[in-house]
C-alpha atoms as a PDB file:
ATOM      1  CA  MET A   1     126.344  97.099 104.016  1.00  0.00           C
ATOM      2  CA  ASP A   2     122.668  98.354 103.433  1.00  0.00           C
ATOM      3  CA  ARG A   3     122.462 100.455 100.625  1.00  0.00           C
ATOM      4  CA  VAL A   4     120.344 103.626 101.281  1.00  0.00           C
ATOM      5  CA  ILE A   5     117.747 104.766  98.818  1.00  0.00           C
ATOM      6  CA  TYR A   6     117.107 108.539  98.615  1.00  0.00           C
ATOM      7  CA  SER A   7     113.348 109.510  98.371  1.00  0.00           C
ATOM      8  CA  ALA A   8     112.874 112.752  96.328  1.00  0.00           C
ATOM      9  CA  GLU A   9     112.343 114.841  99.595  1.00  0.00           C
ATOM     10  CA  GLN A  10     115.354 113.821 100.690  1.00  0.00           C
ATOM     11  CA  ILE A  11     117.147 114.197  97.300  1.00  0.00           C
ATOM     12  CA  LYS A  12     115.783 117.894  97.617  1.00  0.00           C
ATOM     13  CA  ALA A  13     117.227 118.368 100.901  1.00  0.00           C
ATOM     14  CA  LEU A  14     120.519 117.255 100.140  1.00  0.00           C
ATOM     15  CA  LEU A  15     120.846 118.988  97.092  1.00  0.00           C
ATOM     16  CA  ILE A  16     119.949 122.179  99.191  1.00  0.00           C
ATOM     17  CA  ASN A  17     123.378 121.947 100.802  1.00  0.00           C
ATOM     18  CA  PRO A  18     126.334 123.445  99.096  1.00  0.00           C
ATOM     19  CA  ASN A  19     128.827 120.776  99.480  1.00  0.00           C
ATOM     20  CA  VAL A  20     127.019 118.493  97.300  1.00  0.00           C
ATOM     21  CA  ALA A  21     127.861 118.624  93.538  1.00  0.00           C
ATOM     22  CA  LYS A  22     124.780 116.064  92.739  1.00  0.00           C
ATOM     23  CA  CYS A  23     122.503 113.540  94.046  1.00  0.00           C
ATOM     24  CA  SER A  24     120.235 110.499  92.796  1.00  0.00           C
ATOM     25  CA  SER A  25     118.506 108.102  94.589  1.00  0.00           C
ATOM     26  CA  LYS A  26     121.474 106.083  95.065  1.00  0.00           C
ATOM     27  CA  SER A  27     124.256 107.991  95.743  1.00  0.00           C
ATOM     28  CA  VAL A  28     125.648 111.620  96.447  1.00  0.00           C
ATOM     29  CA  SER A  29     128.769 113.101  95.262  1.00  0.00           C
ATOM     30  CA  TYR A  30     130.382 115.822  97.051  1.00  0.00           C
ATOM     31  CA  ARG A  31     132.297 118.858  95.897  1.00  0.00           C
ATOM     32  CA  LYS A  32     135.841 118.286  95.985  1.00  0.00           C
ATOM     33  CA  GLU A  33     136.560 121.536  98.052  1.00  0.00           C
ATOM     34  CA  PHE A  34     134.479 119.825 100.357  1.00  0.00           C
ATOM     35  CA  LYS A  35     136.413 116.804 100.326  1.00  0.00           C
ATOM     36  CA  VAL A  36     139.831 118.637 101.032  1.00  0.00           C
ATOM     37  CA  ARG A  37     138.518 120.847 103.758  1.00  0.00           C
ATOM     38  CA  VAL A  38     137.188 117.655 105.349  1.00  0.00           C
ATOM     39  CA  VAL A  39     140.419 115.490 105.231  1.00  0.00           C
ATOM     40  CA  LYS A  40     141.977 118.935 106.724  1.00  0.00           C
ATOM     41  CA  GLU A  41     139.649 119.250 109.607  1.00  0.00           C
ATOM     42  CA  TYR A  42     139.896 116.014 110.409  1.00  0.00           C
ATOM     43  CA  TYR A  43     143.741 116.083 110.431  1.00  0.00           C
ATOM     44  CA  GLU A  44     144.498 119.564 111.577  1.00  0.00           C
ATOM     45  CA  GLN A  45     141.745 120.354 114.051  1.00  0.00           C
ATOM     46  CA  GLY A  46     140.787 116.295 114.977  1.00  0.00           C
ATOM     47  CA  PHE A  47     137.095 116.459 114.591  1.00  0.00           C
ATOM     48  CA  GLY A  48     135.328 113.495 113.829  1.00  0.00           C
ATOM     49  CA  PRO A  49     133.521 112.554 110.467  1.00  0.00           C
ATOM     50  CA  ASN A  50     130.048 112.999 112.040  1.00  0.00           C
ATOM     51  CA  ALA A  51     131.003 116.228 113.589  1.00  0.00           C
ATOM     52  CA  ILE A  52     132.613 117.802 110.335  1.00  0.00           C
ATOM     53  CA  PHE A  53     129.614 116.314 108.242  1.00  0.00           C
ATOM     54  CA  GLN A  54     127.048 118.048 110.948  1.00  0.00           C
ATOM     55  CA  LYS A  55     128.760 120.991 110.897  1.00  0.00           C
ATOM     56  CA  ALA A  56     128.842 121.099 107.062  1.00  0.00           C
ATOM     57  CA  GLY A  57     125.100 121.013 107.205  1.00  0.00           C
ATOM     58  CA  PHE A  58     124.303 117.313 106.627  1.00  0.00           C
ATOM     59  CA  ASP A  59     121.417 115.443 108.360  1.00  0.00           C
ATOM     60  CA  LEU A  60     123.000 112.130 109.364  1.00  0.00           C
ATOM     61  CA  ASN A  61     119.375 110.655 109.369  1.00  0.00           C
ATOM     62  CA  ILE A  62     119.348 111.316 105.893  1.00  0.00           C
ATOM     63  CA  ILE A  63     122.725 110.027 104.568  1.00  0.00           C
ATOM     64  CA  GLY A  64     123.137 107.501 107.381  1.00  0.00           C
ATOM     65  CA  ARG A  65     125.413 107.706 110.451  1.00  0.00           C
ATOM     66  CA  ASP A  66     127.957 105.435 108.656  1.00  0.00           C
ATOM     67  CA  LYS A  67     128.319 107.333 105.549  1.00  0.00           C
ATOM     68  CA  PRO A  68     130.937 110.119 107.118  1.00  0.00           C
ATOM     69  CA  LYS A  69     133.234 107.761 108.156  1.00  0.00           C
ATOM     70  CA  ASN A  70     133.283 105.474 104.979  1.00  0.00           C
ATOM     71  CA  CYS A  71     133.627 108.825 103.162  1.00  0.00           C
ATOM     72  CA  LEU A  72     136.421 110.135 105.187  1.00  0.00           C
ATOM     73  CA  LYS A  73     138.163 106.864 105.011  1.00  0.00           C
ATOM     74  CA  LEU A  74     138.188 106.861 101.474  1.00  0.00           C
ATOM     75  CA  TRP A  75     139.127 110.405 101.189  1.00  0.00           C
ATOM     76  CA  ARG A  76     142.140 109.831 103.766  1.00  0.00           C
ATOM     77  CA  LYS A  77     143.493 107.221 101.587  1.00  0.00           C
ATOM     78  CA  ILE A  78     142.835 109.013  98.521  1.00  0.00           C
ATOM     79  CA  TYR A  79     144.897 112.002 100.333  1.00  0.00           C
ATOM     80  CA  LYS A  80     147.604 109.883 101.567  1.00  0.00           C
ATOM     81  CA  ALA A  81     148.355 108.406  98.355  1.00  0.00           C
ATOM     82  CA  LYS A  82     147.984 111.330  95.729  1.00  0.00           C
ATOM     83  CA  GLY A  83     147.812 114.355  98.117  1.00  0.00           C
ATOM     84  CA  GLU A  84     145.373 117.291  97.522  1.00  0.00           C
ATOM     85  CA  GLN A  85     144.978 117.116  93.959  1.00  0.00           C
ATOM     86  CA  GLY A  86     143.555 113.344  94.143  1.00  0.00           C
ATOM     87  CA  LEU A  87     140.805 114.609  95.657  1.00  0.00           C
ATOM     88  CA  ASN A  88     140.216 117.084  93.290  1.00  0.00           C
ATOM     89  CA  THR A  89     140.447 114.709  90.402  1.00  0.00           C
ATOM     90  CA  GLU A  90     137.686 112.816  89.381  1.00  0.00           C
ATOM     91  CA  SER A  91     138.643 109.220  88.948  1.00  0.00           C
ATOM     92  CA  ARG A  92     135.739 107.276  88.125  1.00  0.00           C
ATOM     93  CA  GLY A  93     135.153 106.515  84.459  1.00  0.00           C
ATOM     94  CA  ARG A  94     138.565 107.467  83.072  1.00  0.00           C
ATOM     95  CA  ASN A  95     140.239 105.707  80.419  1.00  0.00           C
ATOM     96  CA  GLY A  96     137.051 104.057  80.028  1.00  0.00           C
ATOM     97  CA  GLY A  97     137.857 100.985  82.335  1.00  0.00           C
ATOM     98  CA  ARG A  98     141.265 100.518  80.786  1.00  0.00           C
ATOM     99  CA  ARG A  99     144.641 100.499  82.124  1.00  0.00           C
ATOM    100  CA  PRO A 100     146.980 103.543  81.593  1.00  0.00           C
ATOM    101  CA  LYS A 101     149.145 103.564  78.552  1.00  0.00           C
ATOM    102  CA  ASP A 102     152.582 102.762  80.233  1.00  0.00           C
ATOM    103  CA  LYS A 103     150.799  99.575  81.929  1.00  0.00           C
ATOM    104  CA  GLU A 104     149.461  98.193  78.302  1.00  0.00           C
ATOM    105  CA  SER A 105     152.927  98.799  76.977  1.00  0.00           C
ATOM    106  CA  ALA A 106     154.377  96.782  79.830  1.00  0.00           C
ATOM    107  CA  ASP A 107     152.003  93.952  79.546  1.00  0.00           C
ATOM    108  CA  ILE A 108     152.320  93.845  75.407  1.00  0.00           C
ATOM    109  CA  GLU A 109     155.958  93.568  76.039  1.00  0.00           C
ATOM    110  CA  TYR A 110     155.551  90.957  78.429  1.00  0.00           C
ATOM    111  CA  LEU A 111     153.308  88.996  75.830  1.00  0.00           C
ATOM    112  CA  GLN A 112     155.745  89.413  73.257  1.00  0.00           C
ATOM    113  CA  THR A 113     158.445  88.090  75.194  1.00  0.00           C
ATOM    114  CA  LYS A 114     156.195  85.172  76.034  1.00  0.00           C
ATOM    115  CA  ILE A 115     155.321  84.522  72.745  1.00  0.00           C
ATOM    116  CA  ALA A 116     158.981  84.686  71.496  1.00  0.00           C
ATOM    117  CA  TYR A 117     160.294  82.161  74.172  1.00  0.00           C
ATOM    118  CA  LEU A 118     157.133  79.612  73.167  1.00  0.00           C
ATOM    119  CA  GLU A 119     158.032  79.960  69.243  1.00  0.00           C
ATOM    120  CA  ALA A 120     161.641  79.197  70.248  1.00  0.00           C
ATOM    121  CA  GLU A 121     160.118  76.037  72.589  1.00  0.00           C
ATOM    122  CA  ASN A 122     158.069  74.924  69.830  1.00  0.00           C
ATOM    123  CA  ILE A 123     161.390  74.960  67.072  1.00  0.00           C
ATOM    124  CA  PHE A 124     163.413  73.187  69.929  1.00  0.00           C
ATOM    125  CA  LEU A 125     160.648  70.466  70.257  1.00  0.00           C
ATOM    126  CA  ARG A 126     160.138  70.052  66.423  1.00  0.00           C
ATOM    127  CA  ASN A 127     163.917  70.066  66.134  1.00  0.00           C
ATOM    128  CA  LEU A 128     164.072  67.453  68.796  1.00  0.00           C
ATOM    129  CA  LYS A 129     161.122  65.207  67.057  1.00  0.00           C
ATOM    130  CA  THR A 130     162.752  64.949  63.739  1.00  0.00           C
ATOM    131  CA  LYS A 131     166.110  63.834  65.164  1.00  0.00           C
ATOM    132  CA  THR A 132     164.585  61.087  67.084  1.00  0.00           C
ATOM    133  CA  LYS A 133     162.646  59.898  64.087  1.00  0.00           C
ATOM    134  CA  ASN A 134     166.100  59.913  61.968  1.00  0.00           C
END
């Protein structure tokens, strides 16, 4: 997959579109409402990704012909898993790359159990070693 590098003129053209939240030379961030609308149009009206993006005012020569398909694929996955709220929530950078608390506590509990088991095993082996010496 080739990464698109947007020129200053292309960035300016993309930022004019009301469906774009922000844009850099390497990425385009779309408004949350746009994501929801695109997924609903896809499911309810049966439009294809390129048609939806063109109707929304995007030039496929700028964003790339595969971009609508890839975006819609990701957004549909999020929509199926978390519903409309999932598309309205920004998930990048949350928790500073750490797992949520409940997962961390489960991991800690597992590791504590493993430590207790290994300590018991060490005691058993130590006792076994002292019995064989006598």
